[in-house]
All heavy atoms as atom14 arrays in JSON, in Angstrom:
{
  "sequence": "KIRSLLPELEKANQLEEEIVEVPSAAMGHTLIKKEVFEKVRFDNSLN",
  "atom14_mask": [
    [1, 1, 1, 1, 1, 1, 1, 1, 1, 0, 0, 0, 0, 0],
    [1, 1, 1, 1, 1, 1, 1, 1, 0, 0, 0, 0, 0, 0],
    [1, 1, 1, 1, 1, 1, 1, 1, 1, 1, 1, 0, 0, 0],
    [1, 1, 1, 1, 1, 1, 0, 0, 0, 0, 0, 0, 0, 0],
    [1, 1, 1, 1, 1, 1, 1, 1, 0, 0, 0, 0, 0, 0],
    [1, 1, 1, 1, 1, 1, 1, 1, 0, 0, 0, 0, 0, 0],
    [1, 1, 1, 1, 1, 1, 1, 0, 0, 0, 0, 0, 0, 0],
    [1, 1, 1, 1, 1, 1, 1, 1, 1, 0, 0, 0, 0, 0],
    [1, 1, 1, 1, 1, 1, 1, 1, 0, 0, 0, 0, 0, 0],
    [1, 1, 1, 1, 1, 1, 1, 1, 1, 0, 0, 0, 0, 0],
    [1, 1, 1, 1, 1, 1, 1, 1, 1, 0, 0, 0, 0, 0],
    [1, 1, 1, 1, 1, 0, 0, 0, 0, 0, 0, 0, 0, 0],
    [1, 1, 1, 1, 1, 1, 1, 1, 0, 0, 0, 0, 0, 0],
    [1, 1, 1, 1, 1, 1, 1, 1, 1, 0, 0, 0, 0, 0],
    [1, 1, 1, 1, 1, 1, 1, 1, 0, 0, 0, 0, 0, 0],
    [1, 1, 1, 1, 1, 1, 1, 1, 1, 0, 0, 0, 0, 0],
    [1, 1, 1, 1, 1, 1, 1, 1, 1, 0, 0, 0, 0, 0],
    [1, 1, 1, 1, 1, 1, 1, 1, 1, 0, 0, 0, 0, 0],
    [1, 1, 1, 1, 1, 1, 1, 1, 0, 0, 0, 0, 0, 0],
    [1, 1, 1, 1, 1, 1, 1, 0, 0, 0, 0, 0, 0, 0],
    [1, 1, 1, 1, 1, 1, 1, 1, 1, 0, 0, 0, 0, 0],
    [1, 1, 1, 1, 1, 1, 1, 0, 0, 0, 0, 0, 0, 0],
    [1, 1, 1, 1, 1, 1, 1, 0, 0, 0, 0, 0, 0, 0],
    [1, 1, 1, 1, 1, 1, 0, 0, 0, 0, 0, 0, 0, 0],
    [1, 1, 1, 1, 1, 0, 0, 0, 0, 0, 0, 0, 0, 0],
    [1, 1, 1, 1, 1, 0, 0, 0, 0, 0, 0, 0, 0, 0],
    [1, 1, 1, 1, 1, 1, 1, 1, 0, 0, 0, 0, 0, 0],
    [1, 1, 1, 1, 0, 0, 0, 0, 0, 0, 0, 0, 0, 0],
    [1, 1, 1, 1, 1, 1, 1, 1, 1, 1, 0, 0, 0, 0],
    [1, 1, 1, 1, 1, 1, 1, 0, 0, 0, 0, 0, 0, 0],
    [1, 1, 1, 1, 1, 1, 1, 1, 0, 0, 0, 0, 0, 0],
    [1, 1, 1, 1, 1, 1, 1, 1, 0, 0, 0, 0, 0, 0],
    [1, 1, 1, 1, 1, 1, 1, 1, 1, 0, 0, 0, 0, 0],
    [1, 1, 1, 1, 1, 1, 1, 1, 1, 0, 0, 0, 0, 0],
    [1, 1, 1, 1, 1, 1, 1, 1, 1, 0, 0, 0, 0, 0],
    [1, 1, 1, 1, 1, 1, 1, 0, 0, 0, 0, 0, 0, 0],
    [1, 1, 1, 1, 1, 1, 1, 1, 1, 1, 1, 0, 0, 0],
    [1, 1, 1, 1, 1, 1, 1, 1, 1, 0, 0, 0, 0, 0],
    [1, 1, 1, 1, 1, 1, 1, 1, 1, 0, 0, 0, 0, 0],
    [1, 1, 1, 1, 1, 1, 1, 0, 0, 0, 0, 0, 0, 0],
    [1, 1, 1, 1, 1, 1, 1, 1, 1, 1, 1, 0, 0, 0],
    [1, 1, 1, 1, 1, 1, 1, 1, 1, 1, 1, 0, 0, 0],
    [1, 1, 1, 1, 1, 1, 1, 1, 0, 0, 0, 0, 0, 0],
    [1, 1, 1, 1, 1, 1, 1, 1, 0, 0, 0, 0, 0, 0],
    [1, 1, 1, 1, 1, 1, 0, 0, 0, 0, 0, 0, 0, 0],
    [1, 1, 1, 1, 1, 1, 1, 1, 0, 0, 0, 0, 0, 0],
    [1, 1, 1, 1, 1, 1, 1, 1, 0, 0, 0, 0, 0, 0]
  ],
  "atom14_positions": [
    [[88.28, 122.72, 118.72], [87.64, 122.7, 117.4], [87.67, 121.32, 116.74], [86.97, 121.09, 115.77], [88.31, 123.71, 116.47], [88.31, 125.15, 116.96], [86.91, 125.73, 116.98], [86.93, 127.2, 117.38], [85.58, 127.79, 117.41], [0.0, 0.0, 0.0], [0.0, 0.0, 0.0], [0.0, 0.0, 0.0], [0.0, 0.0, 0.0], [0.0, 0.0, 0.0]],
    [[88.48, 120.42, 117.26], [88.67, 119.15, 116.56], [87.38, 118.33, 116.48], [87.09, 117.71, 115.47], [89.8, 118.32, 117.22], [90.05, 117.04, 116.42], [89.5, 118.0, 118.67], [91.27, 116.26, 116.88], [0.0, 0.0, 0.0], [0.0, 0.0, 0.0], [0.0, 0.0, 0.0], [0.0, 0.0, 0.0], [0.0, 0.0, 0.0], [0.0, 0.0, 0.0]],
    [[86.57, 118.36, 117.55], [85.34, 117.58, 117.55], [84.36, 118.07, 116.49], [83.57, 117.29, 115.94], [84.69, 117.61, 118.92], [83.5, 116.68, 119.09], [83.03, 116.66, 120.52], [84.05, 116.11, 121.39], [84.22, 114.81, 121.6], [83.44, 113.95, 121.0], [85.16, 114.38, 122.42], [0.0, 0.0, 0.0], [0.0, 0.0, 0.0], [0.0, 0.0, 0.0]],
    [[84.42, 119.35, 116.17], [83.49, 119.91, 115.18], [83.77, 119.41, 113.78], [82.96, 119.62, 112.86], [83.56, 121.44, 115.21], [84.84, 121.89, 114.77], [0.0, 0.0, 0.0], [0.0, 0.0, 0.0], [0.0, 0.0, 0.0], [0.0, 0.0, 0.0], [0.0, 0.0, 0.0], [0.0, 0.0, 0.0], [0.0, 0.0, 0.0], [0.0, 0.0, 0.0]],
    [[84.91, 118.73, 113.58], [85.24, 118.21, 112.26], [84.52, 116.91, 111.95], [84.39, 116.53, 110.78], [86.76, 117.97, 112.17], [87.66, 119.2, 112.35], [89.12, 118.77, 112.39], [87.43, 120.2, 111.23], [0.0, 0.0, 0.0], [0.0, 0.0, 0.0], [0.0, 0.0, 0.0], [0.0, 0.0, 0.0], [0.0, 0.0, 0.0], [0.0, 0.0, 0.0]],
    [[84.04, 116.22, 112.98], [83.43, 114.91, 112.77], [82.2, 114.93, 111.87], [82.09, 114.11, 110.95], [83.09, 114.27, 114.12], [84.28, 113.72, 114.91], [83.81, 113.15, 116.24], [85.01, 112.66, 114.11], [0.0, 0.0, 0.0], [0.0, 0.0, 0.0], [0.0, 0.0, 0.0], [0.0, 0.0, 0.0], [0.0, 0.0, 0.0], [0.0, 0.0, 0.0]],
    [[81.24, 115.84, 112.1], [80.06, 115.86, 111.22], [80.41, 116.04, 109.75], [79.84, 115.39, 108.87], [79.24, 117.04, 111.75], [79.65, 117.17, 113.18], [81.11, 116.83, 113.19], [0.0, 0.0, 0.0], [0.0, 0.0, 0.0], [0.0, 0.0, 0.0], [0.0, 0.0, 0.0], [0.0, 0.0, 0.0], [0.0, 0.0, 0.0], [0.0, 0.0, 0.0]],
    [[81.39, 116.93, 109.48], [81.81, 117.15, 108.09], [82.44, 115.9, 107.52], [82.19, 115.52, 106.36], [82.82, 118.31, 108.04], [83.41, 118.54, 106.66], [84.52, 119.58, 106.67], [84.66, 120.28, 107.69], [85.23, 119.67, 105.67], [0.0, 0.0, 0.0], [0.0, 0.0, 0.0], [0.0, 0.0, 0.0], [0.0, 0.0, 0.0], [0.0, 0.0, 0.0]],
    [[83.26, 115.21, 108.34], [83.94, 114.01, 107.88], [82.94, 112.88, 107.63], [83.08, 112.09, 106.7], [84.97, 113.57, 108.91], [85.98, 112.5, 108.49], [86.79, 113.0, 107.3], [86.9, 112.16, 109.64], [0.0, 0.0, 0.0], [0.0, 0.0, 0.0], [0.0, 0.0, 0.0], [0.0, 0.0, 0.0], [0.0, 0.0, 0.0], [0.0, 0.0, 0.0]],
    [[81.91, 112.81, 108.46], [80.91, 111.76, 108.31], [80.11, 111.92, 107.03], [79.55, 110.96, 106.5], [79.96, 111.77, 109.52], [80.65, 111.29, 110.8], [79.83, 111.61, 112.04], [78.65, 111.97, 111.9], [80.38, 111.49, 113.15], [0.0, 0.0, 0.0], [0.0, 0.0, 0.0], [0.0, 0.0, 0.0], [0.0, 0.0, 0.0], [0.0, 0.0, 0.0]],
    [[80.07, 113.14, 106.5], [79.35, 113.38, 105.25], [80.21, 113.12, 104.02], [79.71, 113.14, 102.89], [78.85, 114.84, 105.2], [77.83, 115.19, 106.27], [77.47, 116.67, 106.2], [76.51, 117.06, 107.3], [76.2, 118.52, 107.27], [0.0, 0.0, 0.0], [0.0, 0.0, 0.0], [0.0, 0.0, 0.0], [0.0, 0.0, 0.0], [0.0, 0.0, 0.0]],
    [[81.5, 112.88, 104.25], [82.43, 112.72, 103.12], [81.97, 111.58, 102.21], [81.58, 111.81, 101.07], [83.84, 112.46, 103.64], [0.0, 0.0, 0.0], [0.0, 0.0, 0.0], [0.0, 0.0, 0.0], [0.0, 0.0, 0.0], [0.0, 0.0, 0.0], [0.0, 0.0, 0.0], [0.0, 0.0, 0.0], [0.0, 0.0, 0.0], [0.0, 0.0, 0.0]],
    [[82.01, 110.36, 102.72], [81.52, 109.18, 102.01], [81.71, 109.3, 100.5], [80.78, 109.17, 99.71], [80.04, 108.95, 102.32], [79.61, 107.53, 101.92], [80.44, 106.65, 101.76], [78.32, 107.35, 101.74], [0.0, 0.0, 0.0], [0.0, 0.0, 0.0], [0.0, 0.0, 0.0], [0.0, 0.0, 0.0], [0.0, 0.0, 0.0], [0.0, 0.0, 0.0]],
    [[82.92, 109.62, 100.11], [83.21, 109.87, 98.7], [82.88, 108.66, 97.83], [83.09, 107.51, 98.23], [84.69, 110.23, 98.53], [85.09, 111.45, 99.34], [86.56, 111.73, 99.24], [87.19, 111.44, 98.25], [87.14, 112.29, 100.29], [0.0, 0.0, 0.0], [0.0, 0.0, 0.0], [0.0, 0.0, 0.0], [0.0, 0.0, 0.0], [0.0, 0.0, 0.0]],
    [[82.36, 108.9, 96.66], [81.98, 107.83, 95.75], [83.16, 107.34, 94.93], [83.1, 106.29, 94.31], [80.86, 108.31, 94.82], [79.55, 108.7, 95.52], [78.55, 109.21, 94.48], [78.97, 107.53, 96.29], [0.0, 0.0, 0.0], [0.0, 0.0, 0.0], [0.0, 0.0, 0.0], [0.0, 0.0, 0.0], [0.0, 0.0, 0.0], [0.0, 0.0, 0.0]],
    [[84.23, 108.1, 94.93], [85.42, 107.74, 94.15], [86.0, 106.43, 94.66], [86.35, 106.3, 95.82], [86.47, 108.85, 94.26], [87.74, 108.56, 93.48], [87.48, 108.53, 91.99], [87.16, 109.58, 91.43], [87.61, 107.44, 91.41], [0.0, 0.0, 0.0], [0.0, 0.0, 0.0], [0.0, 0.0, 0.0], [0.0, 0.0, 0.0], [0.0, 0.0, 0.0]],
    [[86.06, 105.42, 93.79], [86.55, 104.11, 94.18], [87.82, 103.76, 93.42], [88.09, 102.6, 93.16], [85.47, 103.05, 93.93], [84.27, 103.15, 94.86], [84.64, 102.8, 96.31], [85.47, 101.9, 96.52], [84.11, 103.45, 97.21], [0.0, 0.0, 0.0], [0.0, 0.0, 0.0], [0.0, 0.0, 0.0], [0.0, 0.0, 0.0], [0.0, 0.0, 0.0]],
    [[88.59, 104.77, 93.05], [89.82, 104.55, 92.3], [90.99, 104.28, 93.24], [91.22, 105.02, 94.2], [90.12, 105.77, 91.42], [91.32, 105.56, 90.5], [91.61, 106.78, 89.66], [91.34, 107.9, 90.13], [92.11, 106.61, 88.54], [0.0, 0.0, 0.0], [0.0, 0.0, 0.0], [0.0, 0.0, 0.0], [0.0, 0.0, 0.0], [0.0, 0.0, 0.0]],
    [[91.7, 103.2, 92.95], [92.89, 102.84, 93.72], [94.08, 102.88, 92.78], [94.08, 102.23, 91.73], [92.76, 101.44, 94.37], [91.69, 101.45, 95.46], [94.09, 101.01, 94.97], [90.31, 101.2, 94.96], [0.0, 0.0, 0.0], [0.0, 0.0, 0.0], [0.0, 0.0, 0.0], [0.0, 0.0, 0.0], [0.0, 0.0, 0.0], [0.0, 0.0, 0.0]],
    [[95.09, 103.67, 93.12], [96.26, 103.8, 92.27], [97.51, 103.45, 93.06], [97.58, 103.69, 94.28], [96.4, 105.23, 91.69], [95.23, 105.54, 90.77], [96.47, 106.26, 92.8], [0.0, 0.0, 0.0], [0.0, 0.0, 0.0], [0.0, 0.0, 0.0], [0.0, 0.0, 0.0], [0.0, 0.0, 0.0], [0.0, 0.0, 0.0], [0.0, 0.0, 0.0]],
    [[98.48, 102.88, 92.38], [99.74, 102.59, 93.05], [100.58, 103.85, 93.13], [100.61, 104.66, 92.19], [100.5, 101.5, 92.3], [101.7, 100.98, 93.08], [102.24, 99.67, 92.54], [101.73, 99.2, 91.51], [103.19, 99.13, 93.16], [0.0, 0.0, 0.0], [0.0, 0.0, 0.0], [0.0, 0.0, 0.0], [0.0, 0.0, 0.0], [0.0, 0.0, 0.0]],
    [[101.24, 104.03, 94.26], [102.05, 105.22, 94.51], [103.45, 104.79, 94.97], [103.62, 103.68, 95.47], [101.39, 106.14, 95.56], [100.12, 106.76, 95.02], [101.1, 105.37, 96.86], [0.0, 0.0, 0.0], [0.0, 0.0, 0.0], [0.0, 0.0, 0.0], [0.0, 0.0, 0.0], [0.0, 0.0, 0.0], [0.0, 0.0, 0.0], [0.0, 0.0, 0.0]],
    [[104.45, 105.65, 94.8], [105.81, 105.28, 95.23], [105.95, 105.13, 96.74], [106.72, 104.32, 97.23], [106.66, 106.45, 94.72], [105.83, 107.13, 93.69], [104.42, 106.94, 94.12], [0.0, 0.0, 0.0], [0.0, 0.0, 0.0], [0.0, 0.0, 0.0], [0.0, 0.0, 0.0], [0.0, 0.0, 0.0], [0.0, 0.0, 0.0], [0.0, 0.0, 0.0]],
    [[105.17, 105.92, 97.48], [105.31, 105.94, 98.94], [104.02, 106.45, 99.56], [103.23, 107.13, 98.9], [106.49, 106.84, 99.34], [106.62, 106.91, 100.74], [0.0, 0.0, 0.0], [0.0, 0.0, 0.0], [0.0, 0.0, 0.0], [0.0, 0.0, 0.0], [0.0, 0.0, 0.0], [0.0, 0.0, 0.0], [0.0, 0.0, 0.0], [0.0, 0.0, 0.0]],
    [[103.81, 106.11, 100.83], [102.6, 106.55, 101.53], [102.94, 106.89, 102.97], [103.81, 106.26, 103.59], [101.53, 105.46, 101.49], [0.0, 0.0, 0.0], [0.0, 0.0, 0.0], [0.0, 0.0, 0.0], [0.0, 0.0, 0.0], [0.0, 0.0, 0.0], [0.0, 0.0, 0.0], [0.0, 0.0, 0.0], [0.0, 0.0, 0.0], [0.0, 0.0, 0.0]],
    [[102.28, 107.91, 103.5], [102.42, 108.24, 104.92], [101.73, 107.16, 105.74], [100.69, 106.62, 105.33], [101.81, 109.61, 105.2], [0.0, 0.0, 0.0], [0.0, 0.0, 0.0], [0.0, 0.0, 0.0], [0.0, 0.0, 0.0], [0.0, 0.0, 0.0], [0.0, 0.0, 0.0], [0.0, 0.0, 0.0], [0.0, 0.0, 0.0], [0.0, 0.0, 0.0]],
    [[102.28, 106.84, 106.89], [101.78, 105.71, 107.66], [100.65, 106.05, 108.63], [100.09, 105.16, 109.26], [102.93, 105.1, 108.47], [103.89, 104.29, 107.63], [103.14, 102.79, 106.98], [103.53, 102.94, 105.24], [0.0, 0.0, 0.0], [0.0, 0.0, 0.0], [0.0, 0.0, 0.0], [0.0, 0.0, 0.0], [0.0, 0.0, 0.0], [0.0, 0.0, 0.0]],
    [[100.28, 107.32, 108.74], [99.3, 107.71, 109.75], [97.88, 107.3, 109.46], [96.98, 107.48, 110.3], [0.0, 0.0, 0.0], [0.0, 0.0, 0.0], [0.0, 0.0, 0.0], [0.0, 0.0, 0.0], [0.0, 0.0, 0.0], [0.0, 0.0, 0.0], [0.0, 0.0, 0.0], [0.0, 0.0, 0.0], [0.0, 0.0, 0.0], [0.0, 0.0, 0.0]],
    [[97.63, 106.68, 108.3], [96.26, 106.3, 107.9], [96.35, 105.19, 106.86], [95.68, 105.24, 105.84], [95.54, 107.52, 107.32], [96.44, 108.42, 106.53], [96.8, 108.15, 105.22], [97.1, 109.54, 106.89], [97.63, 109.09, 104.8], [97.83, 109.96, 105.79], [0.0, 0.0, 0.0], [0.0, 0.0, 0.0], [0.0, 0.0, 0.0], [0.0, 0.0, 0.0]],
    [[97.16, 104.16, 107.15], [97.52, 103.17, 106.15], [97.33, 101.74, 106.66], [97.71, 101.41, 107.78], [98.98, 103.37, 105.71], [99.09, 104.66, 105.07], [99.42, 102.31, 104.74], [0.0, 0.0, 0.0], [0.0, 0.0, 0.0], [0.0, 0.0, 0.0], [0.0, 0.0, 0.0], [0.0, 0.0, 0.0], [0.0, 0.0, 0.0], [0.0, 0.0, 0.0]],
    [[96.75, 100.9, 105.8], [96.49, 99.49, 106.09], [97.57, 98.63, 105.46], [97.92, 98.81, 104.28], [95.12, 99.1, 105.56], [94.66, 97.66, 105.8], [94.2, 97.5, 107.25], [93.52, 97.3, 104.85], [0.0, 0.0, 0.0], [0.0, 0.0, 0.0], [0.0, 0.0, 0.0], [0.0, 0.0, 0.0], [0.0, 0.0, 0.0], [0.0, 0.0, 0.0]],
    [[98.11, 97.66, 106.22], [99.19, 96.82, 105.73], [98.89, 95.35, 106.05], [98.51, 95.02, 107.18], [100.54, 97.21, 106.38], [100.82, 98.7, 106.16], [101.67, 96.37, 105.81], [102.07, 99.2, 106.87], [0.0, 0.0, 0.0], [0.0, 0.0, 0.0], [0.0, 0.0, 0.0], [0.0, 0.0, 0.0], [0.0, 0.0, 0.0], [0.0, 0.0, 0.0]],
    [[99.07, 94.48, 105.05], [98.89, 93.06, 105.28], [100.02, 92.5, 106.13], [101.18, 92.93, 106.02], [98.83, 92.31, 103.94], [97.55, 92.52, 103.16], [97.55, 91.69, 101.88], [96.23, 91.82, 101.12], [96.25, 91.04, 99.86], [0.0, 0.0, 0.0], [0.0, 0.0, 0.0], [0.0, 0.0, 0.0], [0.0, 0.0, 0.0], [0.0, 0.0, 0.0]],
    [[99.71, 91.5, 106.93], [100.68, 90.92, 107.85], [101.89, 90.34, 107.12], [103.01, 90.38, 107.64], [100.0, 89.83, 108.69], [100.85, 89.28, 109.81], [100.08, 88.29, 110.65], [100.92, 87.77, 111.82], [100.14, 86.82, 112.66], [0.0, 0.0, 0.0], [0.0, 0.0, 0.0], [0.0, 0.0, 0.0], [0.0, 0.0, 0.0], [0.0, 0.0, 0.0]],
    [[101.68, 89.84, 105.91], [102.77, 89.2, 105.16], [103.92, 90.17, 104.89], [105.08, 89.76, 104.74], [102.24, 88.64, 103.84], [101.69, 89.69, 102.89], [100.82, 89.1, 101.8], [99.73, 88.62, 102.12], [101.25, 89.15, 100.63], [0.0, 0.0, 0.0], [0.0, 0.0, 0.0], [0.0, 0.0, 0.0], [0.0, 0.0, 0.0], [0.0, 0.0, 0.0]],
    [[103.61, 91.48, 104.81], [104.66, 92.48, 104.56], [105.66, 92.48, 105.72], [106.87, 92.61, 105.51], [104.05, 93.87, 104.36], [105.15, 94.92, 104.17], [103.1, 93.89, 103.18], [0.0, 0.0, 0.0], [0.0, 0.0, 0.0], [0.0, 0.0, 0.0], [0.0, 0.0, 0.0], [0.0, 0.0, 0.0], [0.0, 0.0, 0.0], [0.0, 0.0, 0.0]],
    [[105.15, 92.32, 106.94], [106.01, 92.43, 108.12], [106.95, 91.25, 108.28], [107.88, 91.29, 109.09], [105.15, 92.57, 109.37], [104.23, 93.77, 109.34], [102.87, 93.64, 109.58], [104.72, 95.03, 109.02], [102.03, 94.74, 109.54], [103.88, 96.13, 108.97], [102.53, 95.98, 109.22], [0.0, 0.0, 0.0], [0.0, 0.0, 0.0], [0.0, 0.0, 0.0]],
    [[106.72, 90.18, 107.51], [107.65, 89.04, 107.55], [108.96, 89.39, 106.87], [109.97, 88.73, 107.08], [107.0, 87.84, 106.87], [105.75, 87.33, 107.6], [105.03, 86.24, 106.83], [105.52, 85.88, 105.72], [104.0, 85.75, 107.33], [0.0, 0.0, 0.0], [0.0, 0.0, 0.0], [0.0, 0.0, 0.0], [0.0, 0.0, 0.0], [0.0, 0.0, 0.0]],
    [[108.94, 90.46, 106.03], [110.15, 90.84, 105.3], [110.63, 92.26, 105.58], [111.78, 92.59, 105.31], [109.9, 90.69, 103.79], [109.67, 89.26, 103.35], [109.54, 89.17, 101.83], [109.39, 87.73, 101.37], [109.28, 87.62, 99.89], [0.0, 0.0, 0.0], [0.0, 0.0, 0.0], [0.0, 0.0, 0.0], [0.0, 0.0, 0.0], [0.0, 0.0, 0.0]],
    [[109.73, 93.1, 106.1], [110.07, 94.51, 106.26], [109.65, 95.0, 107.64], [108.54, 94.69, 108.1], [109.39, 95.39, 105.18], [109.86, 96.84, 105.3], [109.66, 94.85, 103.78], [0.0, 0.0, 0.0], [0.0, 0.0, 0.0], [0.0, 0.0, 0.0], [0.0, 0.0, 0.0], [0.0, 0.0, 0.0], [0.0, 0.0, 0.0], [0.0, 0.0, 0.0]],
    [[110.51, 95.76, 108.28], [110.19, 96.44, 109.53], [110.64, 97.9, 109.42], [111.36, 98.28, 108.5], [110.89, 95.78, 110.73], [110.38, 94.37, 111.05], [108.93, 94.4, 111.52], [108.38, 93.06, 111.71], [108.33, 92.42, 112.87], [108.81, 93.02, 113.96], [107.81, 91.23, 112.95], [0.0, 0.0, 0.0], [0.0, 0.0, 0.0], [0.0, 0.0, 0.0]],
    [[110.21, 98.7, 110.37], [110.6, 100.1, 110.4], [112.0, 100.23, 110.98], [112.38, 99.49, 111.89], [109.6, 100.91, 111.22], [108.26, 101.05, 110.56], [107.26, 100.13, 110.8], [108.0, 102.1, 109.67], [106.02, 100.24, 110.18], [106.78, 102.21, 109.05], [105.78, 101.28, 109.3], [0.0, 0.0, 0.0], [0.0, 0.0, 0.0], [0.0, 0.0, 0.0]],
    [[112.75, 101.17, 110.46], [114.12, 101.41, 110.9], [114.1, 102.3, 112.14], [113.72, 103.47, 112.07], [114.92, 102.09, 109.77], [116.41, 102.14, 110.05], [116.79, 102.32, 111.24], [117.2, 102.02, 109.1], [0.0, 0.0, 0.0], [0.0, 0.0, 0.0], [0.0, 0.0, 0.0], [0.0, 0.0, 0.0], [0.0, 0.0, 0.0], [0.0, 0.0, 0.0]],
    [[114.49, 101.74, 113.27], [114.42, 102.48, 114.54], [115.34, 103.69, 114.59], [115.18, 104.56, 115.45], [114.77, 101.54, 115.71], [113.68, 100.51, 115.96], [112.53, 100.7, 115.58], [114.05, 99.41, 116.6], [0.0, 0.0, 0.0], [0.0, 0.0, 0.0], [0.0, 0.0, 0.0], [0.0, 0.0, 0.0], [0.0, 0.0, 0.0], [0.0, 0.0, 0.0]],
    [[116.31, 103.76, 113.69], [117.25, 104.89, 113.7], [116.69, 106.12, 112.99], [117.31, 107.18, 113.01], [118.57, 104.48, 113.06], [118.42, 104.29, 111.65], [0.0, 0.0, 0.0], [0.0, 0.0, 0.0], [0.0, 0.0, 0.0], [0.0, 0.0, 0.0], [0.0, 0.0, 0.0], [0.0, 0.0, 0.0], [0.0, 0.0, 0.0], [0.0, 0.0, 0.0]],
    [[115.53, 105.98, 112.35], [114.96, 107.09, 111.59], [113.85, 107.77, 112.39], [112.74, 107.24, 112.52], [114.39, 106.59, 110.26], [115.41, 106.13, 109.22], [114.71, 105.52, 108.02], [116.28, 107.3, 108.77], [0.0, 0.0, 0.0], [0.0, 0.0, 0.0], [0.0, 0.0, 0.0], [0.0, 0.0, 0.0], [0.0, 0.0, 0.0], [0.0, 0.0, 0.0]],
    [[114.14, 108.94, 112.92], [113.11, 109.71, 113.6], [112.17, 110.38, 112.61], [111.05, 110.75, 112.95], [113.74, 110.78, 114.5], [114.21, 110.2, 115.81], [113.78, 109.13, 116.22], [115.11, 110.89, 116.47], [0.0, 0.0, 0.0], [0.0, 0.0, 0.0], [0.0, 0.0, 0.0], [0.0, 0.0, 0.0], [0.0, 0.0, 0.0], [0.0, 0.0, 0.0]]
  ]
}
């Protein structure tokens, strides 16, 4: 069923252009500037 989700997703094209700051974000769909990695890395001990 996963492939059938694509047409619906392609129609999303939401007009909402609001960007808000949040305390935390899931990493599965997140963009990060390279400069962040000069100071922060992921903790390998956290599964």
